[in-house]
Amino acid sequence: MKFYLEEDGHQLEEPLRGQLLCAATFCAALEGLDPARCAVSLSFVEPEEIRRLNREYRENDSVTDVLSFPQFADLDELRAQPLGDEEEILLGDVVLCLEKAKQQAEEYGHSLEREIVYLFVHSIFHLLGYDHMNEADKAAMRAVEEEVMERMRLLRKDAPEQEDAAGANMHRLYAAALAAAEQSYSPYSHFPVGAALLGESGRVYTGCNVENACYNVGICAERCACLKAVSEGERKFRAIAVASPKGDAWPCGACRQFLAEFGTDLSVISGPDAAHLECHPLSELLPKTFTL
C-alpha cells in the first residue's frame, strides 16, 4: 500500500505509521484489491481546517473527526478502470483531525492509537464505496470495520479478549518494521526491508536495508536495527520483526548468525503481509550457530 502522508506539523510516530499501513492493506485485500497497487493520501489537520472543509464540501459548519474524498464513486467503478500492470490505484484522500481524535479516545476510554486507526479504517471504507446512510448500509460498513480492527488486534475496550498480549505485540512489532521499510535505500535490489527489534528493556529499535554499489558493504535491515540497539547499550533481545511491502523477508543467513551473537531465544516474526505472520525462535531458524 502506497501511503502519502501530510502531517501538517503533527509528528506521526513510526509504529503508528506502520499500523495505518497494515490497516489500509487489510481494507484493500478484504475488497479483493491488490494492496501493492493501491495508494491513499492522509492529512492531519487542525480543527479550524476540518471545519472549513466541512463548510466547503458538506455545507456543515462543524468540527468532525475525519473526512473522506473518494477518487471513485464505488468499488465497481474502481474495478472497471483500465489499468496497466504496474499502474497505481489512488483510492482518494483522508483528512483527520488529531485533536478531535484525542477527545474521542478519552471519551470512549481507549487508546489514541486505536481511535486513529479506527477513523482511518472507517475512511478507507468510505473511499471503497461504503456508507452509513441507512441501517443496512451502516451494519455492512460496521462489519468490515470490525473485521479489520480485529485483525489489527485493536478491539473496543468493551469487546472480549480474542488474543493474548504476545499476539498483539507481534502485529505491532511487524507494523513498526513495515514503517521502517519506507526509509530503505535499495536502488539495486528494489526490495525494501524494515526491521523492528524489541530489546529486553522494552525499547524498540528499527532499521532498514542500505545498499551500496559495492554489494558486500551494504547492510541488511536486521543488522541495521541491531547495531543501533547495541550502540545504545542494549544487549538482550526478545523479538525481531522483519517486513517488506514486496512480500516475505525472512532474515538471511548472515543476519541469523549476527543476531545469534546476542542469544538464540528471541522470536523472529515475518510473513508476506500482516494477515499471514509466522513467529519462530531464532534457534529454529539457525539450529547450529557458530560460537567461539
C-alpha atoms as a PDB file:
ATOM      1  CA  MET A   1       0.000   0.000   0.000  1.00  0.00           C
ATOM      2  CA  LYS A   2       1.438   3.371  -1.021  1.00  0.00           C
ATOM      3  CA  PHE A   3       0.945   5.976   1.662  1.00  0.00           C
ATOM      4  CA  TYR A   4       1.070   9.737   1.025  1.00  0.00           C
ATOM      5  CA  LEU A   5       1.194  11.461   4.399  1.00  0.00           C
ATOM      6  CA  GLU A   6       0.886  15.157   5.197  1.00  0.00           C
ATOM      7  CA  GLU A   7       1.331  15.702   8.918  1.00  0.00           C
ATOM      8  CA  ASP A   8       0.903  19.498   8.917  1.00  0.00           C
ATOM      9  CA  GLY A   9       3.182  19.956  11.915  1.00  0.00           C
ATOM     10  CA  HIS A  10       1.999  16.779  13.680  1.00  0.00           C
ATOM     11  CA  GLN A  11       4.663  14.137  14.201  1.00  0.00           C
ATOM     12  CA  LEU A  12       3.315  10.658  13.480  1.00  0.00           C
ATOM     13  CA  GLU A  13       5.337   8.076  15.394  1.00  0.00           C
ATOM     14  CA  GLU A  14       6.809   5.255  13.350  1.00  0.00           C
ATOM     15  CA  PRO A  15       4.885   2.365  14.984  1.00  0.00           C
ATOM     16  CA  LEU A  16       1.545   4.117  14.382  1.00  0.00           C
ATOM     17  CA  ARG A  17       2.524   4.826  10.787  1.00  0.00           C
ATOM     18  CA  GLY A  18       3.096   1.107  10.382  1.00  0.00           C
ATOM     19  CA  GLN A  19      -0.282   0.350  11.972  1.00  0.00           C
ATOM     20  CA  LEU A  20      -2.012   2.581   9.428  1.00  0.00           C
ATOM     21  CA  LEU A  21      -0.168   0.901   6.566  1.00  0.00           C
ATOM     22  CA  CYS A  22      -1.232  -2.508   7.840  1.00  0.00           C
ATOM     23  CA  ALA A  23      -4.833  -1.369   8.296  1.00  0.00           C
ATOM     24  CA  ALA A  24      -5.042   0.034   4.768  1.00  0.00           C
ATOM     25  CA  THR A  25      -3.590  -3.217   3.421  1.00  0.00           C
ATOM     26  CA  PHE A  26      -6.290  -5.234   5.223  1.00  0.00           C
ATOM     27  CA  CYS A  27      -9.045  -2.950   3.888  1.00  0.00           C
ATOM     28  CA  ALA A  28      -7.920  -3.265   0.265  1.00  0.00           C
ATOM     29  CA  ALA A  29      -7.399  -7.035   0.484  1.00  0.00           C
ATOM     30  CA  LEU A  30     -10.817  -7.538   2.077  1.00  0.00           C
ATOM     31  CA  GLU A  31     -12.401  -5.927  -1.001  1.00  0.00           C
ATOM     32  CA  GLY A  32     -10.403  -8.044  -3.455  1.00  0.00           C
ATOM     33  CA  LEU A  33      -7.942  -5.320  -4.451  1.00  0.00           C
ATOM     34  CA  ASP A  34      -4.186  -5.734  -4.733  1.00  0.00           C
ATOM     35  CA  PRO A  35      -2.773  -3.703  -1.808  1.00  0.00           C
ATOM     36  CA  ALA A  36       0.589  -3.392  -3.549  1.00  0.00           C
ATOM     37  CA  ARG A  37      -1.057  -1.307  -6.274  1.00  0.00           C
ATOM     38  CA  CYS A  38      -3.290   0.818  -4.046  1.00  0.00           C
ATOM     39  CA  ALA A  39      -2.473   4.247  -2.626  1.00  0.00           C
ATOM     40  CA  VAL A  40      -4.157   6.654  -0.246  1.00  0.00           C
ATOM     41  CA  SER A  41      -3.429  10.199   0.878  1.00  0.00           C
ATOM     42  CA  LEU A  42      -3.727  11.050   4.584  1.00  0.00           C
ATOM     43  CA  SER A  43      -3.580  14.540   6.071  1.00  0.00           C
ATOM     44  CA  PHE A  44      -3.654  15.553   9.731  1.00  0.00           C
ATOM     45  CA  VAL A  45      -5.236  18.966  10.216  1.00  0.00           C
ATOM     46  CA  GLU A  46      -6.275  21.373  12.968  1.00  0.00           C
ATOM     47  CA  PRO A  47      -9.958  21.750  13.984  1.00  0.00           C
ATOM     48  CA  GLU A  48     -10.262  25.044  12.086  1.00  0.00           C
ATOM     49  CA  GLU A  49      -9.173  23.413   8.832  1.00  0.00           C
ATOM     50  CA  ILE A  50     -11.514  20.433   9.008  1.00  0.00           C
ATOM     51  CA  ARG A  51     -14.330  22.829   9.885  1.00  0.00           C
ATOM     52  CA  ARG A  52     -13.511  24.856   6.760  1.00  0.00           C
ATOM     53  CA  LEU A  53     -13.534  21.686   4.632  1.00  0.00           C
ATOM     54  CA  ASN A  54     -16.890  20.682   6.111  1.00  0.00           C
ATOM     55  CA  ARG A  55     -18.360  24.078   5.231  1.00  0.00           C
ATOM     56  CA  GLU A  56     -16.951  23.987   1.707  1.00  0.00           C
ATOM     57  CA  TYR A  57     -17.756  20.404   0.730  1.00  0.00           C
ATOM     58  CA  ARG A  58     -20.571  19.292   3.044  1.00  0.00           C
ATOM     59  CA  GLU A  59     -22.350  22.528   3.979  1.00  0.00           C
ATOM     60  CA  ASN A  60     -21.779  21.563   7.590  1.00  0.00           C
ATOM     61  CA  ASP A  61     -20.282  24.243   9.835  1.00  0.00           C
ATOM     62  CA  SER A  62     -18.771  21.927  12.464  1.00  0.00           C
ATOM     63  CA  VAL A  63     -15.593  20.154  13.532  1.00  0.00           C
ATOM     64  CA  THR A  64     -15.737  16.451  12.703  1.00  0.00           C
ATOM     65  CA  ASP A  65     -13.175  13.743  13.347  1.00  0.00           C
ATOM     66  CA  VAL A  66     -12.458  12.704   9.750  1.00  0.00           C
ATOM     67  CA  LEU A  67     -13.407  13.388   6.130  1.00  0.00           C
ATOM     68  CA  SER A  68     -13.074  11.140   3.078  1.00  0.00           C
ATOM     69  CA  PHE A  69     -12.759  12.243  -0.542  1.00  0.00           C
ATOM     70  CA  PRO A  70     -13.099   9.161  -2.803  1.00  0.00           C
ATOM     71  CA  GLN A  71     -11.439   9.007  -6.189  1.00  0.00           C
ATOM     72  CA  PHE A  72     -14.134   6.597  -7.397  1.00  0.00           C
ATOM     73  CA  ALA A  73     -17.893   6.644  -6.915  1.00  0.00           C
ATOM     74  CA  ASP A  74     -17.943   2.992  -5.833  1.00  0.00           C
ATOM     75  CA  LEU A  75     -15.925  -0.207  -5.940  1.00  0.00           C
ATOM     76  CA  ASP A  76     -17.452  -1.347  -9.252  1.00  0.00           C
ATOM     77  CA  GLU A  77     -16.281   1.867 -10.901  1.00  0.00           C
ATOM     78  CA  LEU A  78     -12.811   1.322  -9.462  1.00  0.00           C
ATOM     79  CA  ARG A  79     -12.613  -2.244 -10.751  1.00  0.00           C
ATOM     80  CA  ALA A  80     -13.807  -1.138 -14.198  1.00  0.00           C
ATOM     81  CA  GLN A  81     -10.876   1.214 -14.648  1.00  0.00           C
ATOM     82  CA  PRO A  82      -8.477   0.062 -17.413  1.00  0.00           C
ATOM     83  CA  LEU A  83      -5.126  -0.119 -15.625  1.00  0.00           C
ATOM     84  CA  GLY A  84      -1.648  -1.135 -16.697  1.00  0.00           C
ATOM     85  CA  ASP A  85       0.107  -3.943 -14.853  1.00  0.00           C
ATOM     86  CA  GLU A  86       2.068  -1.573 -12.626  1.00  0.00           C
ATOM     87  CA  GLU A  87      -0.312   1.396 -12.555  1.00  0.00           C
ATOM     88  CA  GLU A  88      -1.107   2.816  -9.138  1.00  0.00           C
ATOM     89  CA  ILE A  89      -4.712   2.929  -7.891  1.00  0.00           C
ATOM     90  CA  LEU A  90      -5.226   6.123  -5.895  1.00  0.00           C
ATOM     91  CA  LEU A  91      -8.259   5.413  -3.729  1.00  0.00           C
ATOM     92  CA  GLY A  92      -8.649   9.024  -2.563  1.00  0.00           C
ATOM     93  CA  ASP A  93      -7.879  11.385   0.305  1.00  0.00           C
ATOM     94  CA  VAL A  94      -8.443  11.116   4.049  1.00  0.00           C
ATOM     95  CA  VAL A  95      -8.360  14.190   6.284  1.00  0.00           C
ATOM     96  CA  LEU A  96      -8.181  13.539  10.025  1.00  0.00           C
ATOM     97  CA  CYS A  97      -8.463  15.979  12.914  1.00  0.00           C
ATOM     98  CA  LEU A  98      -5.968  14.783  15.519  1.00  0.00           C
ATOM     99  CA  GLU A  99      -7.375  16.960  18.312  1.00  0.00           C
ATOM    100  CA  LYS A 100     -10.873  15.551  17.764  1.00  0.00           C
ATOM    101  CA  ALA A 101      -9.432  12.018  17.769  1.00  0.00           C
ATOM    102  CA  LYS A 102      -7.755  12.699  21.133  1.00  0.00           C
ATOM    103  CA  GLN A 103     -11.036  13.941  22.623  1.00  0.00           C
ATOM    104  CA  GLN A 104     -12.908  10.869  21.415  1.00  0.00           C
ATOM    105  CA  ALA A 105     -10.253   8.460  22.659  1.00  0.00           C
ATOM    106  CA  GLU A 106     -10.650   9.951  26.137  1.00  0.00           C
ATOM    107  CA  GLU A 107     -14.463   9.837  25.949  1.00  0.00           C
ATOM    108  CA  TYR A 108     -14.528   6.197  24.817  1.00  0.00           C
ATOM    109  CA  GLY A 109     -11.815   5.120  27.249  1.00  0.00           C
ATOM    110  CA  HIS A 110      -9.439   3.546  24.758  1.00  0.00           C
ATOM    111  CA  SER A 111      -6.043   4.455  23.332  1.00  0.00           C
ATOM    112  CA  LEU A 112      -5.372   7.254  20.867  1.00  0.00           C
ATOM    113  CA  GLU A 113      -3.729   4.615  18.673  1.00  0.00           C
ATOM    114  CA  ARG A 114      -6.972   2.674  18.412  1.00  0.00           C
ATOM    115  CA  GLU A 115      -9.032   5.788  17.720  1.00  0.00           C
ATOM    116  CA  ILE A 116      -6.758   6.972  14.897  1.00  0.00           C
ATOM    117  CA  VAL A 117      -6.582   3.531  13.292  1.00  0.00           C
ATOM    118  CA  TYR A 118     -10.365   3.120  13.534  1.00  0.00           C
ATOM    119  CA  LEU A 119     -11.051   6.530  11.982  1.00  0.00           C
ATOM    120  CA  PHE A 120      -8.599   5.730   9.206  1.00  0.00           C
ATOM    121  CA  VAL A 121     -10.214   2.333   8.562  1.00  0.00           C
ATOM    122  CA  HIS A 122     -13.660   3.966   8.564  1.00  0.00           C
ATOM    123  CA  SER A 123     -12.472   6.467   5.969  1.00  0.00           C
ATOM    124  CA  ILE A 124     -10.791   3.854   3.788  1.00  0.00           C
ATOM    125  CA  PHE A 125     -14.077   2.003   3.511  1.00  0.00           C
ATOM    126  CA  HIS A 126     -15.765   5.272   2.538  1.00  0.00           C
ATOM    127  CA  LEU A 127     -13.159   5.517  -0.240  1.00  0.00           C
ATOM    128  CA  LEU A 128     -14.117   1.981  -1.265  1.00  0.00           C
ATOM    129  CA  GLY A 129     -17.792   2.884  -1.655  1.00  0.00           C
ATOM    130  CA  TYR A 130     -19.253   2.075   1.783  1.00  0.00           C
ATOM    131  CA  ASP A 131     -21.636   4.433   3.553  1.00  0.00           C
ATOM    132  CA  HIS A 132     -23.961   4.525   6.567  1.00  0.00           C
ATOM    133  CA  MET A 133     -26.987   6.462   5.388  1.00  0.00           C
ATOM    134  CA  ASN A 134     -29.396   3.719   6.436  1.00  0.00           C
ATOM    135  CA  GLU A 135     -29.317   0.863   8.943  1.00  0.00           C
ATOM    136  CA  ALA A 136     -28.498  -1.836   6.379  1.00  0.00           C
ATOM    137  CA  ASP A 137     -25.560   0.117   4.936  1.00  0.00           C
ATOM    138  CA  LYS A 138     -24.396   1.026   8.435  1.00  0.00           C
ATOM    139  CA  ALA A 139     -24.411  -2.629   9.503  1.00  0.00           C
ATOM    140  CA  ALA A 140     -22.461  -3.695   6.404  1.00  0.00           C
ATOM    141  CA  MET A 141     -19.859  -0.998   6.950  1.00  0.00           C
ATOM    142  CA  ARG A 142     -19.529  -1.755  10.650  1.00  0.00           C
ATOM    143  CA  ALA A 143     -18.981  -5.450   9.887  1.00  0.00           C
ATOM    144  CA  VAL A 144     -15.962  -4.840   7.631  1.00  0.00           C
ATOM    145  CA  GLU A 145     -14.575  -2.224  10.016  1.00  0.00           C
ATOM    146  CA  GLU A 146     -14.753  -4.636  12.936  1.00  0.00           C
ATOM    147  CA  GLU A 147     -13.102  -7.381  10.895  1.00  0.00           C
ATOM    148  CA  VAL A 148     -10.126  -5.167  10.118  1.00  0.00           C
ATOM    149  CA  MET A 149      -9.852  -3.913  13.701  1.00  0.00           C
ATOM    150  CA  GLU A 150      -9.964  -7.494  14.952  1.00  0.00           C
ATOM    151  CA  ARG A 151      -7.174  -8.461  12.569  1.00  0.00           C
ATOM    152  CA  MET A 152      -5.208  -5.456  13.829  1.00  0.00           C
ATOM    153  CA  ARG A 153      -5.773  -6.653  17.419  1.00  0.00           C
ATOM    154  CA  LEU A 154      -7.248  -3.244  18.277  1.00  0.00           C
ATOM    155  CA  LEU A 155     -10.600  -4.190  19.767  1.00  0.00           C
ATOM    156  CA  ARG A 156     -13.020  -1.926  21.596  1.00  0.00           C
ATOM    157  CA  LYS A 157     -12.493  -1.653  25.322  1.00  0.00           C
ATOM    158  CA  ASP A 158     -15.760  -3.498  25.965  1.00  0.00           C
ATOM    159  CA  ALA A 159     -15.036  -6.275  23.452  1.00  0.00           C
ATOM    160  CA  PRO A 160     -13.937  -9.693  24.703  1.00  0.00           C
ATOM    161  CA  GLU A 161     -10.242 -10.517  24.552  1.00  0.00           C
ATOM    162  CA  GLN A 162      -9.582 -12.625  21.472  1.00  0.00           C
ATOM    163  CA  GLU A 163      -5.803 -12.929  21.585  1.00  0.00           C
ATOM    164  CA  ASP A 164      -3.096 -12.685  24.194  1.00  0.00           C
ATOM    165  CA  ALA A 165      -0.668  -9.800  24.559  1.00  0.00           C
ATOM    166  CA  ALA A 166       2.047 -11.703  22.707  1.00  0.00           C
ATOM    167  CA  GLY A 167      -0.110 -11.845  19.579  1.00  0.00           C
ATOM    168  CA  ALA A 168      -0.938  -8.152  19.758  1.00  0.00           C
ATOM    169  CA  ASN A 169       2.716  -7.239  20.266  1.00  0.00           C
ATOM    170  CA  MET A 170       3.680  -9.393  17.299  1.00  0.00           C
ATOM    171  CA  HIS A 171       1.485  -7.328  14.999  1.00  0.00           C
ATOM    172  CA  ARG A 172       2.632  -4.018  16.472  1.00  0.00           C
ATOM    173  CA  LEU A 173       6.276  -5.004  16.020  1.00  0.00           C
ATOM    174  CA  TYR A 174       5.574  -6.027  12.428  1.00  0.00           C
ATOM    175  CA  ALA A 175       3.851  -2.681  11.835  1.00  0.00           C
ATOM    176  CA  ALA A 176       6.944  -0.845  13.103  1.00  0.00           C
ATOM    177  CA  ALA A 177       9.120  -2.905  10.751  1.00  0.00           C
ATOM    178  CA  LEU A 178       6.850  -2.140   7.803  1.00  0.00           C
ATOM    179  CA  ALA A 179       7.087   1.569   8.572  1.00  0.00           C
ATOM    180  CA  ALA A 180      10.889   1.345   8.795  1.00  0.00           C
ATOM    181  CA  ALA A 181      10.985  -0.202   5.309  1.00  0.00           C
ATOM    182  CA  GLU A 182       9.825   3.147   3.913  1.00  0.00           C
ATOM    183  CA  GLN A 183      13.286   4.550   4.707  1.00  0.00           C
ATOM    184  CA  SER A 184      15.055   1.767   2.787  1.00  0.00           C
ATOM    185  CA  TYR A 185      17.850   2.678   0.397  1.00  0.00           C
ATOM    186  CA  SER A 186      17.585  -0.154  -2.130  1.00  0.00           C
ATOM    187  CA  PRO A 187      18.303   1.185  -5.658  1.00  0.00           C
ATOM    188  CA  TYR A 188      19.858  -2.120  -6.788  1.00  0.00           C
ATOM    189  CA  SER A 189      17.566  -4.854  -5.485  1.00  0.00           C
ATOM    190  CA  HIS A 190      14.424  -2.665  -5.421  1.00  0.00           C
ATOM    191  CA  PHE A 191      13.433  -4.766  -2.410  1.00  0.00           C
ATOM    192  CA  PRO A 192      12.894  -2.505   0.621  1.00  0.00           C
ATOM    193  CA  VAL A 193      13.100  -4.193   4.013  1.00  0.00           C
ATOM    194  CA  GLY A 194      12.468  -2.901   7.525  1.00  0.00           C
ATOM    195  CA  ALA A 195      13.197  -4.477  10.892  1.00  0.00           C
ATOM    196  CA  ALA A 196      11.962  -3.742  14.408  1.00  0.00           C
ATOM    197  CA  LEU A 197      13.998  -5.219  17.275  1.00  0.00           C
ATOM    198  CA  LEU A 198      12.467  -5.436  20.751  1.00  0.00           C
ATOM    199  CA  GLY A 199      15.073  -5.145  23.482  1.00  0.00           C
ATOM    200  CA  GLU A 200      14.895  -6.610  26.973  1.00  0.00           C
ATOM    201  CA  SER A 201      14.314  -3.062  28.235  1.00  0.00           C
ATOM    202  CA  GLY A 202      11.082  -2.834  26.218  1.00  0.00           C
ATOM    203  CA  ARG A 203      12.516  -0.329  23.775  1.00  0.00           C
ATOM    204  CA  VAL A 204      12.059  -0.934  20.033  1.00  0.00           C
ATOM    205  CA  TYR A 205      14.920  -0.240  17.609  1.00  0.00           C
ATOM    206  CA  THR A 206      14.179  -0.005  13.904  1.00  0.00           C
ATOM    207  CA  GLY A 207      16.390  -0.295  10.856  1.00  0.00           C
ATOM    208  CA  CYS A 208      16.198  -0.644   7.086  1.00  0.00           C
ATOM    209  CA  ASN A 209      18.393  -2.159   4.397  1.00  0.00           C
ATOM    210  CA  VAL A 210      21.034   0.211   2.991  1.00  0.00           C
ATOM    211  CA  GLU A 211      22.568  -0.966  -0.281  1.00  0.00           C
ATOM    212  CA  ASN A 212      25.820   0.033  -1.934  1.00  0.00           C
ATOM    213  CA  ALA A 213      27.264  -0.176  -5.436  1.00  0.00           C
ATOM    214  CA  CYS A 214      29.861  -2.455  -3.855  1.00  0.00           C
ATOM    215  CA  TYR A 215      27.287  -5.036  -2.811  1.00  0.00           C
ATOM    216  CA  ASN A 216      29.156  -6.622   0.080  1.00  0.00           C
ATOM    217  CA  VAL A 217      29.409  -3.371   2.061  1.00  0.00           C
ATOM    218  CA  GLY A 218      25.657  -2.844   2.188  1.00  0.00           C
ATOM    219  CA  ILE A 219      23.730  -3.769   5.317  1.00  0.00           C
ATOM    220  CA  CYS A 220      20.510  -5.652   5.950  1.00  0.00           C
ATOM    221  CA  ALA A 221      17.662  -4.147   7.964  1.00  0.00           C
ATOM    222  CA  GLU A 222      18.103  -6.668  10.786  1.00  0.00           C
ATOM    223  CA  ARG A 223      21.750  -5.825  11.348  1.00  0.00           C
ATOM    224  CA  CYS A 224      21.000  -2.101  10.995  1.00  0.00           C
ATOM    225  CA  ALA A 225      18.448  -2.343  13.838  1.00  0.00           C
ATOM    226  CA  CYS A 226      20.771  -4.496  15.939  1.00  0.00           C
ATOM    227  CA  LEU A 227      23.693  -2.087  15.545  1.00  0.00           C
ATOM    228  CA  LYS A 228      21.503   0.790  16.690  1.00  0.00           C
ATOM    229  CA  ALA A 229      20.400  -1.198  19.725  1.00  0.00           C
ATOM    230  CA  VAL A 230      23.901  -2.290  20.720  1.00  0.00           C
ATOM    231  CA  SER A 231      25.234   1.248  20.276  1.00  0.00           C
ATOM    232  CA  GLU A 232      22.558   2.370  22.753  1.00  0.00           C
ATOM    233  CA  GLY A 233      23.709  -0.199  25.316  1.00  0.00           C
ATOM    234  CA  GLU A 234      21.126  -2.936  24.713  1.00  0.00           C
ATOM    235  CA  ARG A 235      22.498  -6.482  24.850  1.00  0.00           C
ATOM    236  CA  LYS A 236      19.472  -8.770  25.234  1.00  0.00           C
ATOM    237  CA  PHE A 237      16.546  -9.026  22.843  1.00  0.00           C
ATOM    238  CA  ARG A 238      13.068 -10.514  22.983  1.00  0.00           C
ATOM    239  CA  ALA A 239      11.906 -10.424  19.367  1.00  0.00           C
ATOM    240  CA  ILE A 240      12.561  -9.030  15.921  1.00  0.00           C
ATOM    241  CA  ALA A 241      10.038  -8.424  13.141  1.00  0.00           C
ATOM    242  CA  VAL A 242      11.155  -8.177   9.527  1.00  0.00           C
ATOM    243  CA  ALA A 243       8.860  -6.755   6.845  1.00  0.00           C
ATOM    244  CA  SER A 244       8.791  -5.693   3.220  1.00  0.00           C
ATOM    245  CA  PRO A 245       5.952  -4.285   1.125  1.00  0.00           C
ATOM    246  CA  LYS A 246       7.180  -6.686  -1.560  1.00  0.00           C
ATOM    247  CA  GLY A 247       6.365  -9.832   0.446  1.00  0.00           C
ATOM    248  CA  ASP A 248       8.267 -12.359   2.551  1.00  0.00           C
ATOM    249  CA  ALA A 249      11.503 -11.038   4.054  1.00  0.00           C
ATOM    250  CA  TRP A 250      12.932 -13.619   6.442  1.00  0.00           C
ATOM    251  CA  PRO A 251      16.456 -12.887   7.730  1.00  0.00           C
ATOM    252  CA  CYS A 252      19.334 -14.082   5.574  1.00  0.00           C
ATOM    253  CA  GLY A 253      21.916 -16.478   6.988  1.00  0.00           C
ATOM    254  CA  ALA A 254      24.359 -13.701   7.865  1.00  0.00           C
ATOM    255  CA  CYS A 255      21.696 -11.845   9.844  1.00  0.00           C
ATOM    256  CA  ARG A 256      20.679 -15.002  11.692  1.00  0.00           C
ATOM    257  CA  GLN A 257      24.268 -15.548  12.766  1.00  0.00           C
ATOM    258  CA  PHE A 258      24.636 -11.866  13.671  1.00  0.00           C
ATOM    259  CA  LEU A 259      21.527 -11.942  15.884  1.00  0.00           C
ATOM    260  CA  ALA A 260      22.607 -15.238  17.445  1.00  0.00           C
ATOM    261  CA  GLU A 261      25.624 -13.447  18.918  1.00  0.00           C
ATOM    262  CA  PHE A 262      23.179 -11.954  21.441  1.00  0.00           C
ATOM    263  CA  GLY A 263      21.149 -15.095  22.096  1.00  0.00           C
ATOM    264  CA  THR A 264      19.112 -17.642  20.171  1.00  0.00           C
ATOM    265  CA  ASP A 265      15.925 -17.470  22.225  1.00  0.00           C
ATOM    266  CA  LEU A 266      14.489 -14.335  20.584  1.00  0.00           C
ATOM    267  CA  SER A 267      11.393 -14.672  18.403  1.00  0.00           C
ATOM    268  CA  VAL A 268      11.630 -13.900  14.692  1.00  0.00           C
ATOM    269  CA  ILE A 269       8.431 -12.566  13.114  1.00  0.00           C
ATOM    270  CA  SER A 270       7.756 -12.202   9.396  1.00  0.00           C
ATOM    271  CA  GLY A 271       5.347 -13.087   6.621  1.00  0.00           C
ATOM    272  CA  PRO A 272       4.068 -11.891   3.245  1.00  0.00           C
ATOM    273  CA  ASP A 273       1.765  -9.383   4.978  1.00  0.00           C
ATOM    274  CA  ALA A 274       0.217  -8.561   8.357  1.00  0.00           C
ATOM    275  CA  ALA A 275      -2.550 -11.097   7.810  1.00  0.00           C
ATOM    276  CA  HIS A 276      -0.181 -14.057   7.445  1.00  0.00           C
ATOM    277  CA  LEU A 277       2.506 -13.690  10.079  1.00  0.00           C
ATOM    278  CA  GLU A 278       4.657 -16.503  11.401  1.00  0.00           C
ATOM    279  CA  CYS A 279       6.770 -16.490  14.536  1.00  0.00           C
ATOM    280  CA  HIS A 280       9.752 -18.815  15.032  1.00  0.00           C
ATOM    281  CA  PRO A 281      12.524 -18.891  17.611  1.00  0.00           C
ATOM    282  CA  LEU A 282      15.911 -17.981  16.182  1.00  0.00           C
ATOM    283  CA  SER A 283      17.226 -21.345  17.387  1.00  0.00           C
ATOM    284  CA  GLU A 284      14.808 -22.997  14.935  1.00  0.00           C
ATOM    285  CA  LEU A 285      15.885 -20.813  12.007  1.00  0.00           C
ATOM    286  CA  LEU A 286      19.566 -21.332  12.808  1.00  0.00           C
ATOM    287  CA  PRO A 287      19.817 -24.662  14.664  1.00  0.00           C
ATOM    288  CA  LYS A 288      23.605 -24.776  14.988  1.00  0.00           C
ATOM    289  CA  THR A 289      25.200 -21.365  15.459  1.00  0.00           C
ATOM    290  CA  PHE A 290      28.895 -20.682  15.170  1.00  0.00           C
ATOM    291  CA  THR A 291      30.395 -19.812  18.551  1.00  0.00           C
ATOM    292  CA  LEU A 292      33.873 -19.252  19.973  1.00  0.00           C
END
